[in-house]
């Protein structure tokens, strides 16, 4: 495979409370184009493939750990979702918080990133870190 053909196939996050995970991820992923399916295995979140693309978008799975132990979060691990507008970052962050998430960083610009990088951080009910970000040049930039 050439470097340009390599992409993430899927991401799996552990959870002990699937009801809480479903409420949390259902609060924002459908607005990003994801379809959610709940089964005995957990939550499967996918974006339908475009017929004109040979690459599939990465899926997100939220599952009980396969080893049967309690789910735990990875120190430094985070899943980031690209969002179309800064307003949508704010809306989705609020929806995710209302659905049981914890705030890890209010929506806004960060000095450590580029002038257009607008981001919000939160934790899902299990403690997994999630980012919602917009990095579009046609959106407002960080004030200098």
Protein backbone atom coordinates (compact mmCIF):
# COMPACT_ATOMS: atom_id res chain seq x y z
CA UNK A 1 0.00 0.00 0.00
CA UNK A 2 1.17 3.48 -0.76
CA UNK A 3 1.19 5.97 2.09
CA UNK A 4 -1.77 7.82 0.66
CA UNK A 5 -3.84 4.61 0.73
CA UNK A 6 -3.20 3.94 4.41
CA UNK A 7 -5.93 4.98 6.78
CA UNK A 8 -7.40 3.98 10.11
CA UNK A 9 -9.84 1.14 9.63
CA UNK A 10 -11.62 1.36 12.97
CA UNK A 11 -11.27 2.53 16.57
CA UNK A 12 -12.55 0.56 19.56
CA UNK A 13 -13.23 2.11 22.96
CA UNK A 14 -14.07 0.15 26.08
CA UNK A 15 -17.17 0.76 28.16
CA UNK A 16 -18.86 -0.97 31.06
CA UNK A 17 -22.25 0.80 30.79
CA UNK A 18 -23.55 0.42 27.24
CA UNK A 19 -26.70 2.42 27.98
CA UNK A 20 -24.63 5.43 29.04
CA UNK A 21 -22.34 4.97 26.02
CA UNK A 22 -25.31 4.82 23.66
CA UNK A 23 -26.85 8.02 25.12
CA UNK A 24 -23.52 9.84 24.88
CA UNK A 25 -22.52 8.87 21.33
CA UNK A 26 -26.10 9.18 20.04
CA UNK A 27 -26.06 12.81 21.17
CA UNK A 28 -23.56 13.88 18.51
CA UNK A 29 -22.36 11.18 16.11
CA UNK A 30 -25.54 11.07 13.95
CA UNK A 31 -25.09 14.79 13.21
CA UNK A 32 -21.61 13.95 11.86
CA UNK A 33 -23.09 11.36 9.47
CA UNK A 34 -22.59 8.24 11.59
CA UNK A 35 -25.17 5.48 11.74
CA UNK A 36 -25.37 3.79 15.14
CA UNK A 37 -26.29 0.18 15.70
CA UNK A 38 -26.75 -1.38 19.11
CA UNK A 39 -26.27 -5.13 19.56
CA UNK A 40 -25.35 -7.59 22.28
CA UNK A 41 -21.70 -6.81 21.46
CA UNK A 42 -22.08 -3.09 22.08
CA UNK A 43 -22.30 -0.01 19.90
CA UNK A 44 -21.19 0.11 16.25
CA UNK A 45 -20.88 3.54 14.64
CA UNK A 46 -20.16 3.89 10.94
CA UNK A 47 -20.37 6.38 8.10
CA UNK A 48 -21.81 4.87 4.93
CA UNK A 49 -19.17 4.52 2.22
CA UNK A 50 -19.43 6.82 -0.78
CA UNK A 51 -19.84 4.93 -4.03
CA UNK A 52 -17.14 7.05 -5.69
CA UNK A 53 -14.52 6.19 -3.06
CA UNK A 54 -12.45 3.04 -2.71
CA UNK A 55 -11.69 3.82 0.94
CA UNK A 56 -14.13 3.21 3.74
CA UNK A 57 -14.44 5.79 6.53
CA UNK A 58 -13.19 4.51 9.89
CA UNK A 59 -15.77 2.86 12.14
CA UNK A 60 -16.05 3.41 15.88
CA UNK A 61 -16.91 0.51 18.15
CA UNK A 62 -17.78 0.83 21.83
CA UNK A 63 -17.54 -2.57 23.48
CA UNK A 64 -17.11 -4.39 26.74
CA UNK A 65 -13.42 -5.36 26.83
CA UNK A 66 -12.84 -8.73 25.20
CA UNK A 67 -10.78 -9.96 28.16
CA UNK A 68 -13.80 -9.66 30.45
CA UNK A 69 -12.07 -7.14 32.73
CA UNK A 70 -13.41 -3.67 33.55
CA UNK A 71 -12.95 -1.03 30.85
CA UNK A 72 -10.27 1.57 31.46
CA UNK A 73 -9.06 4.62 29.56
CA UNK A 74 -5.69 4.99 27.88
CA UNK A 75 -3.48 7.73 29.26
CA UNK A 76 -2.86 10.04 26.32
CA UNK A 77 -5.36 8.26 24.06
CA UNK A 78 -8.03 10.37 22.37
CA UNK A 79 -10.44 10.07 19.45
CA UNK A 80 -10.91 13.31 17.48
CA UNK A 81 -13.86 13.98 15.20
CA UNK A 82 -13.63 16.60 12.43
CA UNK A 83 -16.65 18.89 12.51
CA UNK A 84 -17.79 21.21 9.71
CA UNK A 85 -18.18 24.48 11.61
CA UNK A 86 -17.22 26.11 14.89
CA UNK A 87 -20.91 26.53 15.73
CA UNK A 88 -21.40 22.79 15.29
CA UNK A 89 -18.44 22.11 17.60
CA UNK A 90 -20.24 24.16 20.27
CA UNK A 91 -23.61 22.47 19.64
CA UNK A 92 -22.20 18.94 19.68
CA UNK A 93 -20.11 19.61 22.78
CA UNK A 94 -23.22 20.85 24.60
CA UNK A 95 -25.27 17.85 23.39
CA UNK A 96 -22.58 15.40 24.49
CA UNK A 97 -22.35 17.04 27.93
CA UNK A 98 -26.13 16.89 28.31
CA UNK A 99 -25.94 13.18 27.42
CA UNK A 100 -23.58 12.32 30.25
CA UNK A 101 -20.19 13.54 29.05
CA UNK A 102 -17.71 15.51 31.18
CA UNK A 103 -16.10 18.73 30.02
CA UNK A 104 -12.34 18.49 29.41
CA UNK A 105 -11.97 21.83 27.63
CA UNK A 106 -14.65 24.25 26.51
CA UNK A 107 -15.01 25.01 22.80
CA UNK A 108 -12.49 27.55 21.62
CA UNK A 109 -9.09 28.25 20.16
CA UNK A 110 -5.90 26.98 21.76
CA UNK A 111 -2.66 28.96 21.63
CA UNK A 112 -0.67 25.76 20.99
CA UNK A 113 -2.43 25.09 17.66
CA UNK A 114 -2.87 26.92 14.38
CA UNK A 115 -5.00 30.06 14.11
CA UNK A 116 -8.03 28.21 12.64
CA UNK A 117 -7.98 25.18 14.95
CA UNK A 118 -11.16 25.40 17.04
CA UNK A 119 -11.66 22.50 19.45
CA UNK A 120 -13.66 21.18 22.38
CA UNK A 121 -12.63 18.29 24.61
CA UNK A 122 -14.77 15.99 26.71
CA UNK A 123 -14.87 12.57 28.32
CA UNK A 124 -17.48 9.95 27.58
CA UNK A 125 -19.25 8.30 30.55
CA UNK A 126 -16.46 5.69 30.78
CA UNK A 127 -13.73 8.37 30.79
CA UNK A 128 -12.48 8.02 27.19
CA UNK A 129 -11.26 11.37 25.85
CA UNK A 130 -13.04 12.80 22.81
CA UNK A 131 -12.21 15.90 20.75
CA UNK A 132 -14.54 17.75 18.40
CA UNK A 133 -12.62 20.12 16.15
CA UNK A 134 -12.96 22.44 13.17
CA UNK A 135 -9.88 23.61 11.27
CA UNK A 136 -11.39 25.38 8.29
CA UNK A 137 -9.84 28.52 6.86
CA UNK A 138 -13.28 29.91 5.92
CA UNK A 139 -14.28 29.96 9.60
CA UNK A 140 -13.16 32.75 11.97
CA UNK A 141 -9.58 32.50 13.21
CA UNK A 142 -8.08 32.98 16.64
CA UNK A 143 -7.80 36.66 17.53
CA UNK A 144 -4.19 37.78 17.54
